[in-house]
Amino acid sequence: MGRSLILETSFLVDFERENDRGVPGPALAFLEAHADDRLYITFTVAGELAAGLTLSNRARWQEFVAPFHVLAFNHDVAWEYGRAWRHLQANRQLIGANELWIAATGLAYRMPIVTRNAGHYGRVPDLQVETYRS
């Protein structure tokens, strides 16, 4: 068994598009290169996917998220959210609330976030960030 990784929304949107178009791209290549890793999504990512038009059908949404382990909200996630928010606010570098919840989950569970949005996530102290496309 490899590492544990959290797949962020941008990654999953790219992966869904690659699947729908039948055209392999960077998201699929990343998954193939990390076939031994355990893949997670956060409760926030699951909600963002459910809010999207392409996965607005519950059965399709459940099928899409089924391969991934969903990380739950807990007190550690809430604490890390507050800690990161204070730091980002003090440095005038706030990111979106959903991104901050995803980052807080990564911090609480001590797992890297896989994203193409490294600029935002890179602002969060101590958060491990992996990109899958340049």
C-alpha atoms as a PDB file:
ATOM      1  CA  MET A   1       0.000   0.000   0.000  1.00  0.00           C
ATOM      2  CA  GLY A   2       1.312   3.412  -0.951  1.00  0.00           C
ATOM      3  CA  ARG A   3       0.673   6.803   0.512  1.00  0.00           C
ATOM      4  CA  SER A   4      -2.622   8.426   1.438  1.00  0.00           C
ATOM      5  CA  LEU A   5      -3.638  11.389  -0.753  1.00  0.00           C
ATOM      6  CA  ILE A   6      -6.572  13.794  -0.759  1.00  0.00           C
ATOM      7  CA  LEU A   7      -7.907  14.603  -4.218  1.00  0.00           C
ATOM      8  CA  GLU A   8      -9.100  18.190  -4.427  1.00  0.00           C
ATOM      9  CA  THR A   9     -12.080  19.384  -6.474  1.00  0.00           C
ATOM     10  CA  SER A  10     -10.069  20.711  -9.431  1.00  0.00           C
ATOM     11  CA  PHE A  11      -8.432  17.302  -9.811  1.00  0.00           C
ATOM     12  CA  LEU A  12     -11.765  15.484  -9.775  1.00  0.00           C
ATOM     13  CA  VAL A  13     -13.343  17.921 -12.243  1.00  0.00           C
ATOM     14  CA  ASP A  14     -10.440  17.308 -14.634  1.00  0.00           C
ATOM     15  CA  PHE A  15     -10.713  13.554 -14.084  1.00  0.00           C
ATOM     16  CA  GLU A  16     -14.454  13.614 -14.781  1.00  0.00           C
ATOM     17  CA  ARG A  17     -13.933  15.614 -17.981  1.00  0.00           C
ATOM     18  CA  GLU A  18     -11.212  13.241 -19.167  1.00  0.00           C
ATOM     19  CA  ASN A  19     -13.526  10.279 -18.558  1.00  0.00           C
ATOM     20  CA  ASP A  20     -16.532  11.912 -20.236  1.00  0.00           C
ATOM     21  CA  ARG A  21     -14.488  12.849 -23.307  1.00  0.00           C
ATOM     22  CA  GLY A  22     -12.643   9.546 -23.426  1.00  0.00           C
ATOM     23  CA  VAL A  23      -9.372  11.452 -23.733  1.00  0.00           C
ATOM     24  CA  PRO A  24      -6.652  10.593 -21.195  1.00  0.00           C
ATOM     25  CA  GLY A  25      -5.037  13.597 -19.589  1.00  0.00           C
ATOM     26  CA  PRO A  26      -2.978  14.630 -16.573  1.00  0.00           C
ATOM     27  CA  ALA A  27      -5.534  13.527 -13.959  1.00  0.00           C
ATOM     28  CA  LEU A  28      -5.767  10.007 -15.344  1.00  0.00           C
ATOM     29  CA  ALA A  29      -1.982   9.859 -15.735  1.00  0.00           C
ATOM     30  CA  PHE A  30      -1.615  10.866 -12.081  1.00  0.00           C
ATOM     31  CA  LEU A  31      -4.024   8.134 -10.973  1.00  0.00           C
ATOM     32  CA  GLU A  32      -2.186   5.526 -13.027  1.00  0.00           C
ATOM     33  CA  ALA A  33       1.143   6.626 -11.524  1.00  0.00           C
ATOM     34  CA  HIS A  34      -0.349   6.407  -8.021  1.00  0.00           C
ATOM     35  CA  ALA A  35      -2.277   3.157  -8.385  1.00  0.00           C
ATOM     36  CA  ASP A  36      -0.910   1.874  -5.067  1.00  0.00           C
ATOM     37  CA  ASP A  37      -1.901   4.974  -3.117  1.00  0.00           C
ATOM     38  CA  ARG A  38      -5.048   5.232  -1.011  1.00  0.00           C
ATOM     39  CA  LEU A  39      -7.220   8.039  -2.385  1.00  0.00           C
ATOM     40  CA  TYR A  40      -9.473  10.235  -0.264  1.00  0.00           C
ATOM     41  CA  ILE A  41     -11.805  13.162  -0.739  1.00  0.00           C
ATOM     42  CA  THR A  42     -13.039  15.524   1.932  1.00  0.00           C
ATOM     43  CA  PHE A  43     -16.641  16.012   2.967  1.00  0.00           C
ATOM     44  CA  THR A  44     -16.348  19.446   1.334  1.00  0.00           C
ATOM     45  CA  VAL A  45     -15.210  18.006  -1.988  1.00  0.00           C
ATOM     46  CA  ALA A  46     -18.085  15.502  -1.922  1.00  0.00           C
ATOM     47  CA  GLY A  47     -20.483  18.430  -1.422  1.00  0.00           C
ATOM     48  CA  GLU A  48     -18.920  20.518  -4.173  1.00  0.00           C
ATOM     49  CA  LEU A  49     -19.245  17.603  -6.579  1.00  0.00           C
ATOM     50  CA  ALA A  50     -22.904  17.117  -5.588  1.00  0.00           C
ATOM     51  CA  ALA A  51     -23.525  20.816  -6.291  1.00  0.00           C
ATOM     52  CA  GLY A  52     -22.143  20.581  -9.822  1.00  0.00           C
ATOM     53  CA  LEU A  53     -24.455  20.147 -12.785  1.00  0.00           C
ATOM     54  CA  THR A  54     -22.709  17.118 -14.253  1.00  0.00           C
ATOM     55  CA  LEU A  55     -23.159  15.114 -11.041  1.00  0.00           C
ATOM     56  CA  SER A  56     -26.551  16.510 -10.035  1.00  0.00           C
ATOM     57  CA  ASN A  57     -28.098  13.048 -10.340  1.00  0.00           C
ATOM     58  CA  ARG A  58     -27.572  11.332  -6.994  1.00  0.00           C
ATOM     59  CA  ALA A  59     -26.938   7.886  -8.479  1.00  0.00           C
ATOM     60  CA  ARG A  60     -24.283   9.297 -10.846  1.00  0.00           C
ATOM     61  CA  TRP A  61     -22.710  11.277  -7.994  1.00  0.00           C
ATOM     62  CA  GLN A  62     -22.596   8.207  -5.745  1.00  0.00           C
ATOM     63  CA  GLU A  63     -21.019   6.145  -8.520  1.00  0.00           C
ATOM     64  CA  PHE A  64     -18.389   8.840  -9.093  1.00  0.00           C
ATOM     65  CA  VAL A  65     -17.399   9.241  -5.421  1.00  0.00           C
ATOM     66  CA  ALA A  66     -17.661   5.516  -4.550  1.00  0.00           C
ATOM     67  CA  PRO A  67     -13.986   4.675  -5.268  1.00  0.00           C
ATOM     68  CA  PHE A  68     -12.787   7.333  -2.831  1.00  0.00           C
ATOM     69  CA  HIS A  69     -12.775   7.277   0.952  1.00  0.00           C
ATOM     70  CA  VAL A  70     -14.554  10.350   2.353  1.00  0.00           C
ATOM     71  CA  LEU A  71     -12.799  12.043   5.265  1.00  0.00           C
ATOM     72  CA  ALA A  72     -15.218  13.244   7.914  1.00  0.00           C
ATOM     73  CA  PHE A  73     -15.424  16.538   9.713  1.00  0.00           C
ATOM     74  CA  ASN A  74     -14.125  16.396  13.293  1.00  0.00           C
ATOM     75  CA  HIS A  75     -12.757  18.682  16.019  1.00  0.00           C
ATOM     76  CA  ASP A  76      -9.222  18.541  14.590  1.00  0.00           C
ATOM     77  CA  VAL A  77     -10.471  19.716  11.187  1.00  0.00           C
ATOM     78  CA  ALA A  78     -12.329  22.595  12.843  1.00  0.00           C
ATOM     79  CA  TRP A  79      -9.226  23.590  14.823  1.00  0.00           C
ATOM     80  CA  GLU A  80      -6.972  23.489  11.747  1.00  0.00           C
ATOM     81  CA  TYR A  81      -9.501  25.604   9.852  1.00  0.00           C
ATOM     82  CA  GLY A  82      -9.367  28.258  12.553  1.00  0.00           C
ATOM     83  CA  ARG A  83      -5.592  28.142  12.825  1.00  0.00           C
ATOM     84  CA  ALA A  84      -5.108  28.433   9.053  1.00  0.00           C
ATOM     85  CA  TRP A  85      -7.766  31.156   8.759  1.00  0.00           C
ATOM     86  CA  ARG A  86      -6.055  33.267  11.449  1.00  0.00           C
ATOM     87  CA  HIS A  87      -2.701  32.958   9.671  1.00  0.00           C
ATOM     88  CA  LEU A  88      -4.100  33.741   6.223  1.00  0.00           C
ATOM     89  CA  GLN A  89      -6.204  36.643   7.517  1.00  0.00           C
ATOM     90  CA  ALA A  90      -3.240  38.157   9.345  1.00  0.00           C
ATOM     91  CA  ASN A  91      -1.188  37.944   6.143  1.00  0.00           C
ATOM     92  CA  ARG A  92      -3.999  39.146   3.861  1.00  0.00           C
ATOM     93  CA  GLN A  93      -3.869  35.895   1.903  1.00  0.00           C
ATOM     94  CA  LEU A  94      -7.297  34.365   2.533  1.00  0.00           C
ATOM     95  CA  ILE A  95      -8.477  31.648   0.192  1.00  0.00           C
ATOM     96  CA  GLY A  96     -12.032  30.497  -0.444  1.00  0.00           C
ATOM     97  CA  ALA A  97     -13.940  28.913   2.429  1.00  0.00           C
ATOM     98  CA  ASN A  98     -14.264  25.533   0.712  1.00  0.00           C
ATOM     99  CA  GLU A  99     -10.571  25.508  -0.159  1.00  0.00           C
ATOM    100  CA  LEU A 100      -9.799  26.330   3.452  1.00  0.00           C
ATOM    101  CA  TRP A 101     -11.955  23.422   4.689  1.00  0.00           C
ATOM    102  CA  ILE A 102     -10.139  21.101   2.284  1.00  0.00           C
ATOM    103  CA  ALA A 103      -6.771  22.404   3.496  1.00  0.00           C
ATOM    104  CA  ALA A 104      -7.836  22.045   7.129  1.00  0.00           C
ATOM    105  CA  THR A 105      -8.840  18.452   6.481  1.00  0.00           C
ATOM    106  CA  GLY A 106      -5.435  17.777   4.928  1.00  0.00           C
ATOM    107  CA  LEU A 107      -3.725  19.290   7.953  1.00  0.00           C
ATOM    108  CA  ALA A 108      -5.879  17.420  10.469  1.00  0.00           C
ATOM    109  CA  TYR A 109      -5.419  14.055   8.763  1.00  0.00           C
ATOM    110  CA  ARG A 110      -1.773  14.819   7.834  1.00  0.00           C
ATOM    111  CA  MET A 111      -2.272  14.082   4.145  1.00  0.00           C
ATOM    112  CA  PRO A 112      -1.180  15.972   1.039  1.00  0.00           C
ATOM    113  CA  ILE A 113      -3.725  17.693  -1.196  1.00  0.00           C
ATOM    114  CA  VAL A 114      -3.540  16.858  -4.914  1.00  0.00           C
ATOM    115  CA  THR A 115      -4.540  19.930  -6.945  1.00  0.00           C
ATOM    116  CA  ARG A 116      -3.729  22.103  -9.905  1.00  0.00           C
ATOM    117  CA  ASN A 117      -4.407  25.095  -7.658  1.00  0.00           C
ATOM    118  CA  ALA A 118      -1.106  25.027  -5.777  1.00  0.00           C
ATOM    119  CA  GLY A 119      -1.019  28.824  -5.550  1.00  0.00           C
ATOM    120  CA  HIS A 120      -3.932  28.947  -3.124  1.00  0.00           C
ATOM    121  CA  TYR A 121      -3.129  25.836  -1.130  1.00  0.00           C
ATOM    122  CA  GLY A 122       0.536  26.787  -0.936  1.00  0.00           C
ATOM    123  CA  ARG A 123      -0.420  29.741   1.264  1.00  0.00           C
ATOM    124  CA  VAL A 124      -1.512  27.424   4.079  1.00  0.00           C
ATOM    125  CA  PRO A 125       1.352  26.775   6.509  1.00  0.00           C
ATOM    126  CA  ASP A 126       2.422  23.152   6.949  1.00  0.00           C
ATOM    127  CA  LEU A 127       0.026  21.868   4.267  1.00  0.00           C
ATOM    128  CA  GLN A 128       1.553  19.338   1.884  1.00  0.00           C
ATOM    129  CA  VAL A 129       0.544  20.100  -1.698  1.00  0.00           C
ATOM    130  CA  GLU A 130       1.090  17.969  -4.805  1.00  0.00           C
ATOM    131  CA  THR A 131       0.355  19.134  -8.311  1.00  0.00           C
ATOM    132  CA  TYR A 132      -0.535  16.884 -11.212  1.00  0.00           C
ATOM    133  CA  ARG A 133      -0.103  19.320 -14.057  1.00  0.00           C
ATOM    134  CA  SER A 134       2.184  22.202 -14.678  1.00  0.00           C
END
